[in-house]
Amino acid sequence: MKFSKRGAVAWLFVAAVLCFVTPGRAAETEKATFAGGCFWCMEHPFEELDGVSAAVSGYTGGHTENPTYEAVSGGTTGHVEAVEITFDPARVSYEKLLEVYWRQIDPTDQGGQFVDRGDSYRPLIFYHDETQKELAQMSKRALDASGRYPKPVNVPITSAGPFYRAEQYHQDYYNESPIRYKIYRYASGRDRYLDSIWDDK
């Protein structure tokens, strides 16, 4: 096949464009990590968001590598149950993730969350960069100043460290064991509390 000089230039231009604009090219994603008590209850609020590709249950914030559920629950590892969220910042902002997070927890309780007590159920925000840190601090101050809670908002904001994926039977528990999940969630008192605080739903 023969090309004219003009045709060859045009073909090179098209080829160059295709190198940079390829259909299906993966979007740039970021991580966000939140602890809010039982991680079963923290996955689906984030997975419902457009722009979130995954919410993984796991353990973070402790001093033991590859901890097990039994060890974390026993309070010997320093870890908390948490969710690590993979999101596309072009489709969902970190501020939106923070908004969703606050609506899942009791941010005044550092003794645990609802029926689950102990250090492994403490609420924390783990930031992955300075921008997330600043946004989390601003969001926390605004929530505290809103007067929505009778006690101070008491959620530490700390740098993210190693995140260890929890055992497979914990992943997407609300989908895999829906009846057990609903029974647990109702009995935990989480929804009754959230409905009393966020009555503007």
C-alpha atoms as a PDB file:
ATOM      1  CA  MET A   1       0.000   0.000   0.000  1.00  0.00           C
ATOM      2  CA  LYS A   2       1.396   3.400  -1.006  1.00  0.00           C
ATOM      3  CA  PHE A   3       0.946   6.611   0.991  1.00  0.00           C
ATOM      4  CA  SER A   4       1.428  10.151  -0.187  1.00  0.00           C
ATOM      5  CA  LYS A   5       3.603  12.377   1.978  1.00  0.00           C
ATOM      6  CA  ARG A   6       0.463  14.138   3.274  1.00  0.00           C
ATOM      7  CA  GLY A   7      -1.218  10.791   3.961  1.00  0.00           C
ATOM      8  CA  ALA A   8       1.805   9.507   5.846  1.00  0.00           C
ATOM      9  CA  VAL A   9       1.864  12.607   8.073  1.00  0.00           C
ATOM     10  CA  ALA A  10      -1.856  12.237   8.770  1.00  0.00           C
ATOM     11  CA  TRP A  11      -1.414   8.568   9.670  1.00  0.00           C
ATOM     12  CA  LEU A  12       1.425   9.363  12.077  1.00  0.00           C
ATOM     13  CA  PHE A  13      -0.745  12.012  13.752  1.00  0.00           C
ATOM     14  CA  VAL A  14      -3.622   9.555  14.244  1.00  0.00           C
ATOM     15  CA  ALA A  15      -1.250   6.906  15.617  1.00  0.00           C
ATOM     16  CA  ALA A  16       0.212   9.396  18.083  1.00  0.00           C
ATOM     17  CA  VAL A  17      -3.248  10.405  19.292  1.00  0.00           C
ATOM     18  CA  LEU A  18      -4.257   6.779  19.780  1.00  0.00           C
ATOM     19  CA  CYS A  19      -1.240   6.237  22.011  1.00  0.00           C
ATOM     20  CA  PHE A  20      -2.615   8.797  24.453  1.00  0.00           C
ATOM     21  CA  VAL A  21      -6.367   8.394  24.020  1.00  0.00           C
ATOM     22  CA  THR A  22      -7.105   4.702  24.148  1.00  0.00           C
ATOM     23  CA  PRO A  23     -10.663   3.504  24.783  1.00  0.00           C
ATOM     24  CA  GLY A  24     -10.934   1.718  28.107  1.00  0.00           C
ATOM     25  CA  ARG A  25      -7.754   3.233  29.486  1.00  0.00           C
ATOM     26  CA  ALA A  26      -7.693   2.745  33.284  1.00  0.00           C
ATOM     27  CA  ALA A  27      -8.646   5.797  35.349  1.00  0.00           C
ATOM     28  CA  GLU A  28      -6.292   7.135  37.998  1.00  0.00           C
ATOM     29  CA  THR A  29      -7.469   5.898  41.392  1.00  0.00           C
ATOM     30  CA  GLU A  30      -6.730   6.792  44.993  1.00  0.00           C
ATOM     31  CA  LYS A  31      -7.109   5.071  48.352  1.00  0.00           C
ATOM     32  CA  ALA A  32      -9.096   6.123  51.412  1.00  0.00           C
ATOM     33  CA  THR A  33      -9.104   4.237  54.701  1.00  0.00           C
ATOM     34  CA  PHE A  34     -11.707   4.534  57.447  1.00  0.00           C
ATOM     35  CA  ALA A  35     -12.373   2.645  60.678  1.00  0.00           C
ATOM     36  CA  GLY A  36     -15.911   2.768  62.004  1.00  0.00           C
ATOM     37  CA  GLY A  37     -16.532  -0.272  64.140  1.00  0.00           C
ATOM     38  CA  CYS A  38     -17.529  -3.564  62.550  1.00  0.00           C
ATOM     39  CA  PHE A  39     -16.233  -3.532  58.995  1.00  0.00           C
ATOM     40  CA  TRP A  40     -19.247  -5.521  57.786  1.00  0.00           C
ATOM     41  CA  CYS A  41     -21.308  -2.352  58.201  1.00  0.00           C
ATOM     42  CA  MET A  42     -18.775  -0.068  56.546  1.00  0.00           C
ATOM     43  CA  GLU A  43     -18.434  -1.685  53.123  1.00  0.00           C
ATOM     44  CA  HIS A  44     -21.758  -1.212  51.370  1.00  0.00           C
ATOM     45  CA  PRO A  45     -22.295   2.536  52.030  1.00  0.00           C
ATOM     46  CA  PHE A  46     -19.120   3.200  50.039  1.00  0.00           C
ATOM     47  CA  GLU A  47     -19.579   0.500  47.407  1.00  0.00           C
ATOM     48  CA  GLU A  48     -22.907   2.116  46.484  1.00  0.00           C
ATOM     49  CA  LEU A  49     -21.128   5.307  45.407  1.00  0.00           C
ATOM     50  CA  ASP A  50     -20.460   5.961  41.737  1.00  0.00           C
ATOM     51  CA  GLY A  51     -16.696   6.223  41.415  1.00  0.00           C
ATOM     52  CA  VAL A  52     -15.845   3.672  44.102  1.00  0.00           C
ATOM     53  CA  SER A  53     -14.480   0.482  42.583  1.00  0.00           C
ATOM     54  CA  ALA A  54     -13.820  -1.439  45.813  1.00  0.00           C
ATOM     55  CA  ALA A  55     -14.267  -1.337  49.577  1.00  0.00           C
ATOM     56  CA  VAL A  56     -12.164  -4.021  51.250  1.00  0.00           C
ATOM     57  CA  SER A  57     -12.475  -5.115  54.877  1.00  0.00           C
ATOM     58  CA  GLY A  58      -9.217  -5.397  56.750  1.00  0.00           C
ATOM     59  CA  TYR A  59      -6.985  -4.473  59.652  1.00  0.00           C
ATOM     60  CA  THR A  60      -4.677  -1.480  60.092  1.00  0.00           C
ATOM     61  CA  GLY A  61      -3.053   0.778  62.642  1.00  0.00           C
ATOM     62  CA  GLY A  62      -1.367  -1.948  64.671  1.00  0.00           C
ATOM     63  CA  HIS A  63       2.067  -3.429  65.227  1.00  0.00           C
ATOM     64  CA  THR A  64       1.652  -7.031  64.030  1.00  0.00           C
ATOM     65  CA  GLU A  65       2.132  -8.230  60.452  1.00  0.00           C
ATOM     66  CA  ASN A  66      -0.612 -10.262  58.804  1.00  0.00           C
ATOM     67  CA  PRO A  67      -2.946 -10.301  61.815  1.00  0.00           C
ATOM     68  CA  THR A  68      -5.897 -12.671  62.070  1.00  0.00           C
ATOM     69  CA  TYR A  69      -9.430 -11.774  63.046  1.00  0.00           C
ATOM     70  CA  GLU A  70      -9.042 -13.648  66.334  1.00  0.00           C
ATOM     71  CA  ALA A  71      -5.841 -11.780  67.231  1.00  0.00           C
ATOM     72  CA  VAL A  72      -7.275  -8.375  66.337  1.00  0.00           C
ATOM     73  CA  SER A  73     -10.475  -9.058  68.266  1.00  0.00           C
ATOM     74  CA  GLY A  74      -8.394 -10.204  71.223  1.00  0.00           C
ATOM     75  CA  GLY A  75      -6.802  -6.765  71.407  1.00  0.00           C
ATOM     76  CA  THR A  76      -3.189  -7.948  71.189  1.00  0.00           C
ATOM     77  CA  THR A  77      -2.210  -6.466  67.809  1.00  0.00           C
ATOM     78  CA  GLY A  78      -3.168  -2.785  68.116  1.00  0.00           C
ATOM     79  CA  HIS A  79      -5.132  -2.967  64.861  1.00  0.00           C
ATOM     80  CA  VAL A  80      -8.644  -1.725  64.199  1.00  0.00           C
ATOM     81  CA  GLU A  81     -11.193  -3.122  61.802  1.00  0.00           C
ATOM     82  CA  ALA A  82     -11.269  -0.822  58.785  1.00  0.00           C
ATOM     83  CA  VAL A  83     -12.228  -0.510  55.146  1.00  0.00           C
ATOM     84  CA  GLU A  84      -9.824   0.459  52.387  1.00  0.00           C
ATOM     85  CA  ILE A  85     -11.628   2.212  49.556  1.00  0.00           C
ATOM     86  CA  THR A  86     -10.389   2.483  45.990  1.00  0.00           C
ATOM     87  CA  PHE A  87     -11.976   5.448  44.232  1.00  0.00           C
ATOM     88  CA  ASP A  88     -11.724   7.597  41.142  1.00  0.00           C
ATOM     89  CA  PRO A  89     -11.370  11.231  42.334  1.00  0.00           C
ATOM     90  CA  ALA A  90     -12.696  12.456  38.985  1.00  0.00           C
ATOM     91  CA  ARG A  91     -16.039  10.802  39.789  1.00  0.00           C
ATOM     92  CA  VAL A  92     -16.300  10.964  43.572  1.00  0.00           C
ATOM     93  CA  SER A  93     -14.451  13.367  45.833  1.00  0.00           C
ATOM     94  CA  TYR A  94     -12.686  12.607  49.094  1.00  0.00           C
ATOM     95  CA  GLU A  95     -15.012  15.138  50.709  1.00  0.00           C
ATOM     96  CA  LYS A  96     -17.971  12.993  49.655  1.00  0.00           C
ATOM     97  CA  LEU A  97     -16.328   9.927  51.174  1.00  0.00           C
ATOM     98  CA  LEU A  98     -15.898  11.823  54.438  1.00  0.00           C
ATOM     99  CA  GLU A  99     -19.562  12.825  54.368  1.00  0.00           C
ATOM    100  CA  VAL A 100     -20.596   9.202  53.948  1.00  0.00           C
ATOM    101  CA  TYR A 101     -18.189   8.108  56.683  1.00  0.00           C
ATOM    102  CA  TRP A 102     -19.575  10.482  59.313  1.00  0.00           C
ATOM    103  CA  ARG A 103     -23.064   9.177  58.615  1.00  0.00           C
ATOM    104  CA  GLN A 104     -22.084   5.602  59.535  1.00  0.00           C
ATOM    105  CA  ILE A 105     -20.604   6.058  63.000  1.00  0.00           C
ATOM    106  CA  ASP A 106     -20.877   7.557  66.468  1.00  0.00           C
ATOM    107  CA  PRO A 107     -17.876   9.918  66.302  1.00  0.00           C
ATOM    108  CA  THR A 108     -18.044  10.697  70.030  1.00  0.00           C
ATOM    109  CA  ASP A 109     -17.298   7.130  71.154  1.00  0.00           C
ATOM    110  CA  GLN A 110     -13.693   5.921  71.345  1.00  0.00           C
ATOM    111  CA  GLY A 111     -14.621   2.864  73.391  1.00  0.00           C
ATOM    112  CA  GLY A 112     -15.888   1.028  70.340  1.00  0.00           C
ATOM    113  CA  GLN A 113     -18.957   1.370  68.149  1.00  0.00           C
ATOM    114  CA  PHE A 114     -22.461   0.425  69.221  1.00  0.00           C
ATOM    115  CA  VAL A 115     -22.637  -3.178  70.463  1.00  0.00           C
ATOM    116  CA  ASP A 116     -18.977  -3.819  69.558  1.00  0.00           C
ATOM    117  CA  ARG A 117     -16.666  -2.664  72.331  1.00  0.00           C
ATOM    118  CA  GLY A 118     -12.890  -2.513  72.563  1.00  0.00           C
ATOM    119  CA  ASP A 119      -9.948  -0.865  70.834  1.00  0.00           C
ATOM    120  CA  SER A 120     -10.310  -2.830  67.603  1.00  0.00           C
ATOM    121  CA  TYR A 121     -13.676  -1.136  67.004  1.00  0.00           C
ATOM    122  CA  ARG A 122     -12.515   2.452  67.538  1.00  0.00           C
ATOM    123  CA  PRO A 123     -13.357   4.969  64.799  1.00  0.00           C
ATOM    124  CA  LEU A 124     -10.339   6.498  63.036  1.00  0.00           C
ATOM    125  CA  ILE A 125      -9.527   8.226  59.771  1.00  0.00           C
ATOM    126  CA  PHE A 126      -6.278   7.187  58.072  1.00  0.00           C
ATOM    127  CA  TYR A 127      -5.048   9.757  55.560  1.00  0.00           C
ATOM    128  CA  HIS A 128      -2.903   8.832  52.543  1.00  0.00           C
ATOM    129  CA  ASP A 129      -1.527  12.291  51.773  1.00  0.00           C
ATOM    130  CA  GLU A 130      -1.481  15.834  53.131  1.00  0.00           C
ATOM    131  CA  THR A 131      -4.556  16.844  51.134  1.00  0.00           C
ATOM    132  CA  GLN A 132      -6.613  14.063  52.713  1.00  0.00           C
ATOM    133  CA  LYS A 133      -5.271  15.070  56.132  1.00  0.00           C
ATOM    134  CA  GLU A 134      -6.334  18.700  55.700  1.00  0.00           C
ATOM    135  CA  LEU A 135      -9.750  17.795  54.302  1.00  0.00           C
ATOM    136  CA  ALA A 136     -10.387  15.320  57.138  1.00  0.00           C
ATOM    137  CA  GLN A 137      -9.403  17.881  59.771  1.00  0.00           C
ATOM    138  CA  MET A 138     -11.654  20.529  58.202  1.00  0.00           C
ATOM    139  CA  SER A 139     -14.558  18.084  57.974  1.00  0.00           C
ATOM    140  CA  LYS A 140     -14.110  17.013  61.595  1.00  0.00           C
ATOM    141  CA  ARG A 141     -14.030  20.623  62.832  1.00  0.00           C
ATOM    142  CA  ALA A 142     -17.164  21.469  60.860  1.00  0.00           C
ATOM    143  CA  LEU A 143     -19.035  18.462  62.232  1.00  0.00           C
ATOM    144  CA  ASP A 144     -17.964  19.270  65.785  1.00  0.00           C
ATOM    145  CA  ALA A 145     -19.074  22.886  65.375  1.00  0.00           C
ATOM    146  CA  SER A 146     -22.465  21.858  63.978  1.00  0.00           C
ATOM    147  CA  GLY A 147     -23.825  21.029  67.424  1.00  0.00           C
ATOM    148  CA  ARG A 148     -25.277  17.774  66.129  1.00  0.00           C
ATOM    149  CA  TYR A 149     -23.767  15.777  68.988  1.00  0.00           C
ATOM    150  CA  PRO A 150     -24.071  16.312  72.744  1.00  0.00           C
ATOM    151  CA  LYS A 151     -20.387  15.391  73.179  1.00  0.00           C
ATOM    152  CA  PRO A 152     -17.236  16.395  71.260  1.00  0.00           C
ATOM    153  CA  VAL A 153     -16.380  14.647  68.011  1.00  0.00           C
ATOM    154  CA  ASN A 154     -13.491  12.390  68.995  1.00  0.00           C
ATOM    155  CA  VAL A 155     -12.096  10.620  65.933  1.00  0.00           C
ATOM    156  CA  PRO A 156      -8.298  10.561  65.566  1.00  0.00           C
ATOM    157  CA  ILE A 157      -6.873  11.444  62.160  1.00  0.00           C
ATOM    158  CA  THR A 158      -3.614   9.621  61.549  1.00  0.00           C
ATOM    159  CA  SER A 159      -1.291   8.607  58.738  1.00  0.00           C
ATOM    160  CA  ALA A 160      -2.174   5.413  56.885  1.00  0.00           C
ATOM    161  CA  GLY A 161       0.138   2.455  57.340  1.00  0.00           C
ATOM    162  CA  PRO A 162       0.069  -1.145  56.154  1.00  0.00           C
ATOM    163  CA  PHE A 163      -3.417  -2.462  55.474  1.00  0.00           C
ATOM    164  CA  TYR A 164      -4.043  -6.184  55.804  1.00  0.00           C
ATOM    165  CA  ARG A 165      -6.979  -7.668  53.948  1.00  0.00           C
ATOM    166  CA  ALA A 166      -9.311  -9.578  56.280  1.00  0.00           C
ATOM    167  CA  GLU A 167     -10.256 -13.200  55.774  1.00  0.00           C
ATOM    168  CA  GLN A 168     -12.375 -13.887  52.716  1.00  0.00           C
ATOM    169  CA  TYR A 169     -15.524 -14.715  54.695  1.00  0.00           C
ATOM    170  CA  HIS A 170     -15.560 -11.118  55.939  1.00  0.00           C
ATOM    171  CA  GLN A 171     -15.536  -9.596  52.438  1.00  0.00           C
ATOM    172  CA  ASP A 172     -18.906  -8.307  51.180  1.00  0.00           C
ATOM    173  CA  TYR A 173     -20.576  -9.968  54.154  1.00  0.00           C
ATOM    174  CA  TYR A 174     -23.761  -7.982  53.561  1.00  0.00           C
ATOM    175  CA  ASN A 175     -24.075  -9.709  50.163  1.00  0.00           C
ATOM    176  CA  GLU A 176     -22.726 -13.127  51.055  1.00  0.00           C
ATOM    177  CA  SER A 177     -24.745 -13.596  54.266  1.00  0.00           C
ATOM    178  CA  PRO A 178     -27.583 -11.067  53.969  1.00  0.00           C
ATOM    179  CA  ILE A 179     -29.896 -12.536  56.622  1.00  0.00           C
ATOM    180  CA  ARG A 180     -27.186 -12.838  59.259  1.00  0.00           C
ATOM    181  CA  TYR A 181     -25.955  -9.368  58.369  1.00  0.00           C
ATOM    182  CA  LYS A 182     -29.388  -7.806  58.765  1.00  0.00           C
ATOM    183  CA  ILE A 183     -29.930  -9.536  62.108  1.00  0.00           C
ATOM    184  CA  TYR A 184     -26.539  -8.390  63.375  1.00  0.00           C
ATOM    185  CA  ARG A 185     -26.986  -4.834  62.130  1.00  0.00           C
ATOM    186  CA  TYR A 186     -30.429  -4.474  63.693  1.00  0.00           C
ATOM    187  CA  ALA A 187     -29.277  -5.929  67.010  1.00  0.00           C
ATOM    188  CA  SER A 188     -26.196  -3.692  67.078  1.00  0.00           C
ATOM    189  CA  GLY A 189     -28.288  -0.542  67.479  1.00  0.00           C
ATOM    190  CA  ARG A 190     -26.334   1.242  64.745  1.00  0.00           C
ATOM    191  CA  ASP A 191     -29.280   2.147  62.529  1.00  0.00           C
ATOM    192  CA  ARG A 192     -31.467   3.360  65.387  1.00  0.00           C
ATOM    193  CA  TYR A 193     -28.696   5.657  66.542  1.00  0.00           C
ATOM    194  CA  LEU A 194     -27.958   6.977  63.042  1.00  0.00           C
ATOM    195  CA  ASP A 195     -31.633   7.641  62.393  1.00  0.00           C
ATOM    196  CA  SER A 196     -31.824   9.659  65.626  1.00  0.00           C
ATOM    197  CA  ILE A 197     -28.821  11.779  64.654  1.00  0.00           C
ATOM    198  CA  TRP A 198     -29.376  12.178  60.919  1.00  0.00           C
ATOM    199  CA  ASP A 199     -33.122  12.812  60.871  1.00  0.00           C
ATOM    200  CA  ASP A 200     -32.727  14.882  57.689  1.00  0.00           C
ATOM    201  CA  LYS A 201     -32.428  11.786  55.457  1.00  0.00           C
END
